[in-house]
Protein backbone atom coordinates (compact mmCIF):
# COMPACT_ATOMS: atom_id res chain seq x y z
CA MET A 1 -142.41 23.37 28.48
CA SER A 2 -144.67 25.86 26.77
CA ASP A 3 -147.41 26.26 24.21
CA GLY A 4 -145.78 25.09 21.01
CA LEU A 5 -143.27 22.53 22.34
CA GLU A 6 -143.77 18.78 22.39
CA ASP A 7 -143.95 17.08 25.77
CA VAL A 8 -140.68 15.64 27.09
CA GLU A 9 -142.28 12.40 28.27
CA ALA A 10 -143.31 11.14 24.84
CA ALA A 11 -143.42 7.53 26.02
CA ARG A 12 -146.08 8.40 28.57
CA LYS A 13 -148.44 10.12 26.15
CA PRO A 14 -151.90 8.55 26.26
CA ALA A 15 -153.61 7.19 23.17
CA LEU A 16 -156.11 9.99 22.66
CA ILE A 17 -158.95 9.87 20.14
CA TYR A 18 -159.10 12.62 17.50
CA PRO A 19 -162.58 12.42 15.92
CA PHE A 20 -162.01 14.95 13.11
CA GLU A 21 -159.72 14.35 10.15
CA ALA A 22 -158.60 17.96 9.81
CA PRO A 23 -159.25 21.44 11.20
CA PRO A 24 -161.55 23.78 9.29
CA PRO A 25 -159.92 25.61 6.39
CA ARG A 26 -159.14 29.29 6.65
CA GLY A 27 -162.26 31.46 6.70
CA ARG A 28 -164.59 28.50 7.33
CA THR A 29 -166.01 26.75 10.37
CA LEU A 30 -166.55 23.10 11.26
CA GLU A 31 -169.46 22.01 13.47
CA VAL A 32 -168.06 19.68 16.17
CA ALA A 33 -171.23 19.42 18.31
CA PRO A 34 -174.77 20.80 17.86
CA GLY A 35 -174.40 24.57 17.65
CA VAL A 36 -170.65 24.47 18.40
CA HIS A 37 -168.35 25.51 15.55
CA TRP A 38 -164.56 25.23 15.33
CA ILE A 39 -162.56 28.15 13.89
CA ARG A 40 -158.83 27.88 13.14
CA MET A 41 -156.98 31.22 13.22
CA PRO A 42 -153.32 31.76 12.17
CA LEU A 43 -150.69 33.01 14.62
CA PRO A 44 -147.37 34.72 13.77
CA TYR A 45 -145.38 32.51 16.16
CA ALA A 46 -143.66 29.12 16.21
CA LEU A 47 -147.03 27.81 17.36
CA ASP A 48 -148.77 28.95 14.20
CA HIS A 49 -152.47 28.56 15.05
CA ILE A 50 -155.15 28.95 17.70
CA ASN A 51 -158.56 27.33 17.87
CA LEU A 52 -161.55 29.62 18.48
CA TRP A 53 -165.16 28.60 18.99
CA ALA A 54 -168.52 29.97 17.88
CA LEU A 55 -171.54 28.93 19.98
CA ASP A 56 -175.11 29.25 18.75
CA ASP A 57 -176.57 31.89 21.05
CA GLY A 58 -180.10 32.03 19.65
CA GLU A 59 -180.14 35.52 18.15
CA GLY A 60 -176.55 35.20 17.00
CA TRP A 61 -173.16 33.69 17.80
CA ALA A 62 -171.15 33.82 21.02
CA ILE A 63 -167.43 33.81 20.27
CA VAL A 64 -164.91 32.11 22.58
CA ASP A 65 -161.39 33.56 22.20
CA THR A 66 -160.40 35.88 19.40
CA GLY A 67 -156.87 35.52 17.97
CA VAL A 68 -153.92 37.89 18.14
CA SER A 69 -154.42 41.50 17.04
CA ASN A 70 -152.99 42.08 13.59
CA ASP A 71 -154.17 42.76 10.04
CA LYS A 72 -154.06 39.09 9.02
CA THR A 73 -156.38 38.07 11.86
CA ALA A 74 -158.80 40.86 10.98
CA THR A 75 -158.80 39.67 7.36
CA VAL A 76 -159.61 36.10 8.38
CA TRP A 77 -162.43 37.32 10.64
CA ARG A 78 -163.90 39.23 7.69
CA GLU A 79 -163.68 36.08 5.56
CA LEU A 80 -165.51 34.16 8.27
CA PHE A 81 -168.31 36.72 8.38
CA ALA A 82 -168.61 36.68 4.59
CA ASN A 83 -168.71 32.86 4.45
CA ALA A 84 -171.10 32.40 7.40
CA PRO A 85 -174.10 30.17 6.56
CA ASP A 86 -176.40 32.76 8.15
CA GLN A 87 -176.02 36.45 8.84
CA ARG A 88 -176.82 36.42 12.54
CA PRO A 89 -174.42 38.77 14.36
CA VAL A 90 -171.97 38.18 17.19
CA THR A 91 -173.90 38.45 20.48
CA ARG A 92 -171.02 38.44 23.00
CA VAL A 93 -167.34 37.62 23.27
CA PHE A 94 -165.93 35.21 25.85
CA VAL A 95 -162.19 35.14 26.54
CA THR A 96 -160.64 32.25 28.46
CA HIS A 97 -157.57 34.23 29.55
CA MET A 98 -155.39 37.27 28.98
CA HIS A 99 -152.72 36.01 26.59
CA PRO A 100 -152.61 37.90 23.27
CA ASP A 101 -153.63 34.97 21.07
CA HIS A 102 -156.83 34.68 23.11
CA VAL A 103 -157.74 38.28 23.96
CA GLY A 104 -156.00 40.10 21.11
CA MET A 105 -159.05 40.85 18.94
CA ALA A 106 -161.62 41.05 21.74
CA GLY A 107 -161.75 44.84 21.64
CA TRP A 108 -162.09 44.81 17.85
CA LEU A 109 -164.98 42.32 17.92
CA THR A 110 -166.88 43.90 20.82
CA ARG A 111 -166.73 47.32 19.16
CA LYS A 112 -167.62 46.00 15.72
CA PHE A 113 -170.82 44.37 17.02
CA GLY A 114 -171.51 46.57 20.04
CA VAL A 115 -171.44 43.61 22.47
CA ARG A 116 -169.99 42.81 25.90
CA LEU A 117 -166.69 41.18 26.77
CA TRP A 118 -167.08 38.26 29.23
CA MET A 119 -163.93 37.46 31.19
CA THR A 120 -162.79 36.62 34.73
CA ARG A 121 -161.77 39.58 36.88
CA LEU A 122 -158.09 38.73 37.32
CA GLU A 123 -157.63 38.04 33.62
CA TYR A 124 -159.23 41.34 32.59
CA LEU A 125 -157.45 43.49 35.19
CA THR A 126 -154.07 41.79 34.74
CA CYS A 127 -154.36 42.31 31.00
CA ARG A 128 -155.13 46.01 31.48
CA VAL A 129 -152.11 46.39 33.79
CA THR A 130 -149.74 44.55 31.46
CA VAL A 131 -150.89 46.49 28.40
CA SER A 132 -150.11 49.71 30.30
CA ASP A 133 -146.41 48.80 30.15
CA THR A 134 -146.38 49.64 26.43
CA GLY A 135 -143.91 52.46 25.84
CA ARG A 136 -142.36 52.26 29.32
CA GLU A 137 -138.71 51.57 30.01
CA ALA A 138 -137.96 48.16 31.46
CA PRO A 139 -138.26 48.35 35.27
CA THR A 140 -135.28 47.67 37.51
CA ASP A 141 -137.30 44.91 39.20
CA GLY A 142 -137.42 43.15 35.84
CA THR A 143 -133.73 43.42 35.09
CA ALA A 144 -132.93 42.28 38.65
CA PHE A 145 -135.23 39.25 38.20
CA TYR A 146 -133.42 38.06 35.06
CA ARG A 147 -129.98 38.87 36.45
CA ARG A 148 -130.89 36.80 39.52
CA ALA A 149 -131.75 33.93 37.14
CA GLY A 150 -128.28 34.13 35.58
CA TRP A 151 -128.89 36.08 32.37
CA SER A 152 -125.91 37.75 30.72
CA ASP A 153 -125.68 41.50 30.14
CA ALA A 154 -126.49 40.93 26.44
CA ALA A 155 -129.65 38.97 27.24
CA ILE A 156 -130.77 41.60 29.75
CA GLU A 157 -130.25 44.32 27.15
CA SER A 158 -132.48 42.34 24.75
CA TYR A 159 -135.12 42.22 27.51
CA ARG A 160 -134.89 46.01 27.88
CA VAL A 161 -135.36 46.50 24.14
CA ARG A 162 -138.34 44.13 23.95
CA PHE A 163 -140.07 45.29 27.13
CA GLY A 164 -143.61 46.53 26.61
CA ASN A 165 -144.32 44.52 23.45
CA PHE A 166 -147.27 42.69 25.04
CA GLY A 167 -149.73 45.50 24.30
CA LYS A 168 -148.75 45.64 20.64
CA HIS A 169 -150.54 42.33 20.09
CA ILE A 170 -153.81 43.39 21.74
CA HIS A 171 -156.50 45.64 20.30
CA VAL A 172 -157.62 48.23 22.84
CA LEU A 173 -159.78 46.46 25.40
CA PRO A 174 -163.29 47.70 26.13
CA ASP A 175 -163.47 49.88 29.24
CA SER A 176 -165.95 47.54 30.93
CA TYR A 177 -166.60 43.82 30.97
CA ARG A 178 -168.96 41.17 32.36
CA ARG A 179 -167.19 39.15 35.04
CA LEU A 180 -167.16 35.35 34.82
CA HIS A 181 -167.34 33.50 38.16
CA ASP A 182 -166.07 30.03 38.97
CA GLY A 183 -169.02 27.62 38.99
CA GLU A 184 -171.38 30.05 37.25
CA ALA A 185 -174.05 28.54 34.98
CA LEU A 186 -174.28 30.44 31.68
CA PRO A 187 -177.26 30.01 29.34
CA ILE A 188 -175.85 30.20 25.81
CA GLY A 189 -178.55 29.56 23.24
CA ALA A 190 -180.36 26.30 24.02
CA HIS A 191 -177.70 24.99 26.39
CA THR A 192 -176.16 25.82 29.75
CA TRP A 193 -172.39 26.04 30.13
CA ARG A 194 -170.57 25.99 33.47
CA VAL A 195 -167.48 28.11 34.16
CA ILE A 196 -164.55 26.18 35.65
CA VAL A 197 -161.68 28.43 36.71
CA GLY A 198 -158.10 27.20 36.85
CA ASN A 199 -154.80 28.85 37.73
CA GLY A 200 -151.12 28.46 37.03
CA HIS A 201 -150.89 29.07 33.29
CA SER A 202 -152.60 32.43 33.81
CA PRO A 203 -154.18 34.20 36.80
CA GLU A 204 -157.84 33.07 36.52
CA HIS A 205 -158.29 30.96 33.40
CA ALA A 206 -161.91 30.11 32.50
CA CYS A 207 -162.89 26.80 30.89
CA LEU A 208 -166.48 26.26 29.68
CA TYR A 209 -168.19 22.91 30.22
CA CYS A 210 -171.57 21.89 28.79
CA PRO A 211 -172.84 18.67 30.45
CA GLU A 212 -175.73 18.27 27.97
CA LEU A 213 -173.48 18.43 24.92
CA LYS A 214 -170.61 16.64 26.73
CA VAL A 215 -168.19 19.33 25.53
CA LEU A 216 -165.34 21.07 27.38
CA ILE A 217 -163.73 24.21 25.96
CA SER A 218 -160.39 23.82 27.73
CA GLY A 219 -158.46 26.87 26.50
CA ASP A 220 -154.81 26.36 27.45
CA GLN A 221 -155.53 24.39 30.64
CA VAL A 222 -155.42 21.03 28.86
CA LEU A 223 -153.84 20.60 25.43
CA PRO A 224 -153.49 17.22 23.68
CA ARG A 225 -149.95 17.35 22.28
CA ILE A 226 -148.14 20.14 24.12
CA SER A 227 -148.04 21.34 27.69
CA SER A 228 -148.97 24.79 28.93
CA ASN A 229 -146.28 27.22 30.02
CA VAL A 230 -146.37 27.72 33.80
CA SER A 231 -144.09 30.63 34.65
CA VAL A 232 -143.02 33.08 37.32
CA TYR A 233 -142.74 36.70 36.17
CA PRO A 234 -140.90 39.71 37.59
CA ILE A 235 -144.15 41.25 38.86
CA GLU A 236 -144.53 38.39 41.42
CA PRO A 237 -141.10 36.77 41.74
CA ASP A 238 -141.93 34.55 44.74
CA ALA A 239 -145.12 33.01 43.30
CA ASP A 240 -145.78 29.26 43.15
CA PRO A 241 -147.92 28.86 40.00
CA MET A 242 -146.86 25.22 39.64
CA SER A 243 -148.88 24.28 42.73
CA ASP A 244 -151.83 26.20 41.28
CA TRP A 245 -151.57 24.43 37.92
CA LEU A 246 -151.30 20.93 39.39
CA ALA A 247 -154.29 21.66 41.64
CA SER A 248 -156.25 22.95 38.63
CA LEU A 249 -155.59 19.74 36.70
CA ALA A 250 -156.93 17.74 39.64
CA LYS A 251 -159.96 20.03 39.85
CA LEU A 252 -160.79 19.55 36.17
CA LYS A 253 -160.50 15.78 36.48
CA HIS A 254 -162.85 15.86 39.48
CA GLU A 255 -165.46 18.19 37.97
CA VAL A 256 -165.57 17.06 34.34
CA PRO A 257 -166.31 13.44 33.32
CA ASP A 258 -163.99 11.57 31.00
CA ASP A 259 -166.51 11.17 28.15
CA VAL A 260 -166.40 14.81 27.01
CA LEU A 261 -165.16 16.09 23.68
CA VAL A 262 -162.31 18.44 24.58
CA LEU A 263 -161.98 21.61 22.51
CA PRO A 264 -158.45 22.92 23.19
CA ALA A 265 -156.91 26.22 22.15
CA HIS A 266 -154.14 24.46 20.20
CA ASN A 267 -153.76 21.19 18.28
CA GLU A 268 -156.93 19.15 17.60
CA CYS A 269 -160.21 18.31 19.33
CA PHE A 270 -159.84 15.09 21.28
CA ARG A 271 -161.35 12.53 23.63
CA GLY A 272 -159.48 11.13 26.62
CA LEU A 273 -159.50 14.04 29.09
CA HIS A 274 -158.62 12.11 32.23
CA ALA A 275 -155.76 10.21 30.59
CA ARG A 276 -154.34 13.44 29.26
CA ILE A 277 -154.60 15.14 32.67
CA ASP A 278 -152.85 12.16 34.28
CA SER A 279 -150.12 12.33 31.63
CA LEU A 280 -149.56 16.06 32.17
CA ALA A 281 -149.39 15.68 35.95
CA HIS A 282 -147.06 12.67 35.68
CA GLY A 283 -144.78 14.46 33.23
CA GLN A 284 -144.46 17.43 35.56
CA GLN A 285 -143.60 15.20 38.52
CA VAL A 286 -140.93 13.42 36.46
CA ALA A 287 -139.44 16.82 35.53
CA LEU A 288 -139.45 17.90 39.18
CA ASP A 289 -137.66 14.68 40.13
CA ARG A 290 -134.95 15.39 37.56
CA LEU A 291 -134.67 18.92 38.94
CA ARG A 292 -134.28 17.62 42.50
CA ARG A 293 -131.45 15.31 41.44
CA SER A 294 -129.69 18.10 39.55
CA LEU A 295 -129.53 20.32 42.65
CA SER A 296 -127.02 18.26 44.59
CA GLU A 297 -124.68 21.13 43.71
CA PRO A 298 -125.74 24.84 43.64
CA LYS A 299 -127.19 25.97 40.31
CA ARG A 300 -128.76 29.08 38.81
CA ALA A 301 -132.15 29.05 37.10
CA ILE A 302 -130.50 28.97 33.67
CA ASP A 303 -128.38 25.98 34.72
CA VAL A 304 -131.38 23.69 35.21
CA PHE A 305 -132.77 23.96 31.67
CA GLY A 306 -131.27 20.57 30.78
CA ALA A 307 -133.11 18.89 33.66
CA LEU A 308 -136.47 20.35 32.67
CA PHE A 309 -136.59 20.71 28.89
CA ALA A 310 -135.94 18.41 25.97
CA ARG A 311 -134.37 21.02 23.70
CA PRO A 312 -131.41 23.39 24.15
CA ILE A 313 -132.26 26.95 25.20
CA GLY A 314 -129.89 29.63 23.87
CA GLU A 315 -129.63 33.36 24.41
CA ALA A 316 -130.27 34.13 20.75
CA ASP A 317 -133.98 33.27 21.07
CA VAL A 318 -134.95 35.75 23.78
CA PRO A 319 -138.70 34.90 23.86
CA LEU A 320 -137.87 31.21 24.31
CA LEU A 321 -135.21 32.09 26.90
CA GLY A 322 -137.81 34.13 28.79
CA MET A 323 -140.37 31.30 28.81
CA ALA A 324 -137.75 28.74 29.87
CA THR A 325 -136.51 31.00 32.64
CA GLY A 326 -140.04 31.69 33.89
CA GLU A 327 -140.89 28.00 34.00
CA SER A 328 -137.56 27.08 35.61
CA VAL A 329 -138.16 29.63 38.36
CA ALA A 330 -141.70 28.26 38.75
CA CYS A 331 -140.32 24.77 39.36
CA LEU A 332 -137.61 26.07 41.70
CA ASN A 333 -140.10 28.19 43.65
CA HIS A 334 -142.37 25.16 43.92
CA LEU A 335 -139.61 23.11 45.55
CA MET A 336 -138.67 26.04 47.79
CA HIS A 337 -142.26 26.40 48.98
CA ARG A 338 -142.15 22.69 49.84
CA GLY A 339 -138.95 23.18 51.83
CA GLU A 340 -136.96 20.87 49.57
CA ILE A 341 -134.39 23.37 48.28
CA LYS A 342 -132.72 26.56 49.49
CA ARG A 343 -131.86 29.75 47.61
CA ASP A 344 -128.82 31.94 48.30
CA ILE A 345 -128.18 35.30 46.63
CA ASP A 346 -124.52 36.09 45.97
CA GLY A 347 -122.82 39.48 45.93
CA ASP A 348 -123.68 39.97 42.24
CA GLY A 349 -127.39 39.48 42.85
CA ILE A 350 -127.47 35.98 41.32
CA ALA A 351 -129.63 33.26 42.93
CA TRP A 352 -128.09 29.84 43.57
CA TYR A 353 -130.36 26.91 44.43
CA ARG A 354 -129.38 23.70 46.19
CA ARG A 355 -131.14 20.71 47.62
CA VAL A 356 -131.77 20.59 51.33
CA GLU A 357 -130.82 17.31 52.90
CA GLN A 358 -133.86 15.98 54.75
CA ALA A 359 -133.38 14.85 58.33
CA ARG A 360 -133.92 11.15 58.84
C-alpha cells in the first residue's frame, strides 16, 4: 500500500538479486559502482531508513536525496563528512521528489556548501506550496474530503490537529533551484546520467539513469520489497494518479534495460528491474480486481480497505488511515475515470461507490 508496508501479493514477488550483504553502517558509505556511493540515513517513522547517494562529480560530490530534517539527520551528515575518504565538498544537491525524507535536508545542505538544488519544477513548486500550510488551520475542503471518504468526527478532529505538519520535517528550501527536465542528459563527473520523470507517487518524480555504469537511481518509483503509496489528496480530489503510476512503470521498463543495478530509496540495491516492475503492475491489477468485486453493493472509501490492503486500518493510527484513504480514493477514482463505477454523494456529504453493470 505505501512506503513501509510489504506487498499483498507475496506469492508473485520475483526472485530479485541483492548483490550487497548489508547496507553501509551509520556515518559511512559503500561504493556500489565506480564513483557511486550508498548512504543509509535513519528515519523517525515505521519505515526507519532511506537510501541516499553520493556521485563523484569531479571537484566534489553530487548528493541525491537528503533525509528528513531533524537533529539526528544533521548529526549523521556531520559524521559522514568527518569520515569521508577525501575532503572534496558537495557540488550540488539532486532531489528525486518532494516528500520530506527526500527533500528534508536539501536547504541545509545547499546553504552549508553554497550549491544549487536540482529538482523538477512540479516537485519544487508543490513542496513550496505544501510547506506554506504550516501554521494554518485545516481547510474546509480538507475536512469535506475526509468526511466524504467516511471518516468519523474523531478522525476528522485528529486531521485538524495534525494539519500543517508537513513543513516541520523540511528545512527551509532555497529560494531558487535548477529545473530537471524529462530526458535531459546530465554530466556528473566522468559519466552522463539521464533524467526519467514518472508520476503517480508524486507530481514529477525524477529517476537518474546512467547507461555507461548500468545504474538506475529509482527513488520511490520502483522499490524491491514494498510498493509506493499512490494517493489522492484534498487539493486535487478528482485526480487519477493510479493511471499515471501504471504508465510510469511501463515507461521505465521501456526506457531502462533489465541489466541495471537499481538503487532504490528504501530496502536494498537489487537487480531484476523488469521482473519487479511486472510484479508491481500485476499486484495493482489484482487489487483493482478485488475492488471491483467488492463494489457489487455501495461502499465508502473506508469500506474498501479490506479489498485493497493486507492489514487492518484503524482510526487510532491517523497517518496510516490518511495514506490508506488516499490510496483507496486513488483506486476508486481510477475505476470511475474508466467508467466502471459510479459515485453518489448522500445528504451528509458522504460518497458511496458502486459498480456499473456493463451493457452486453
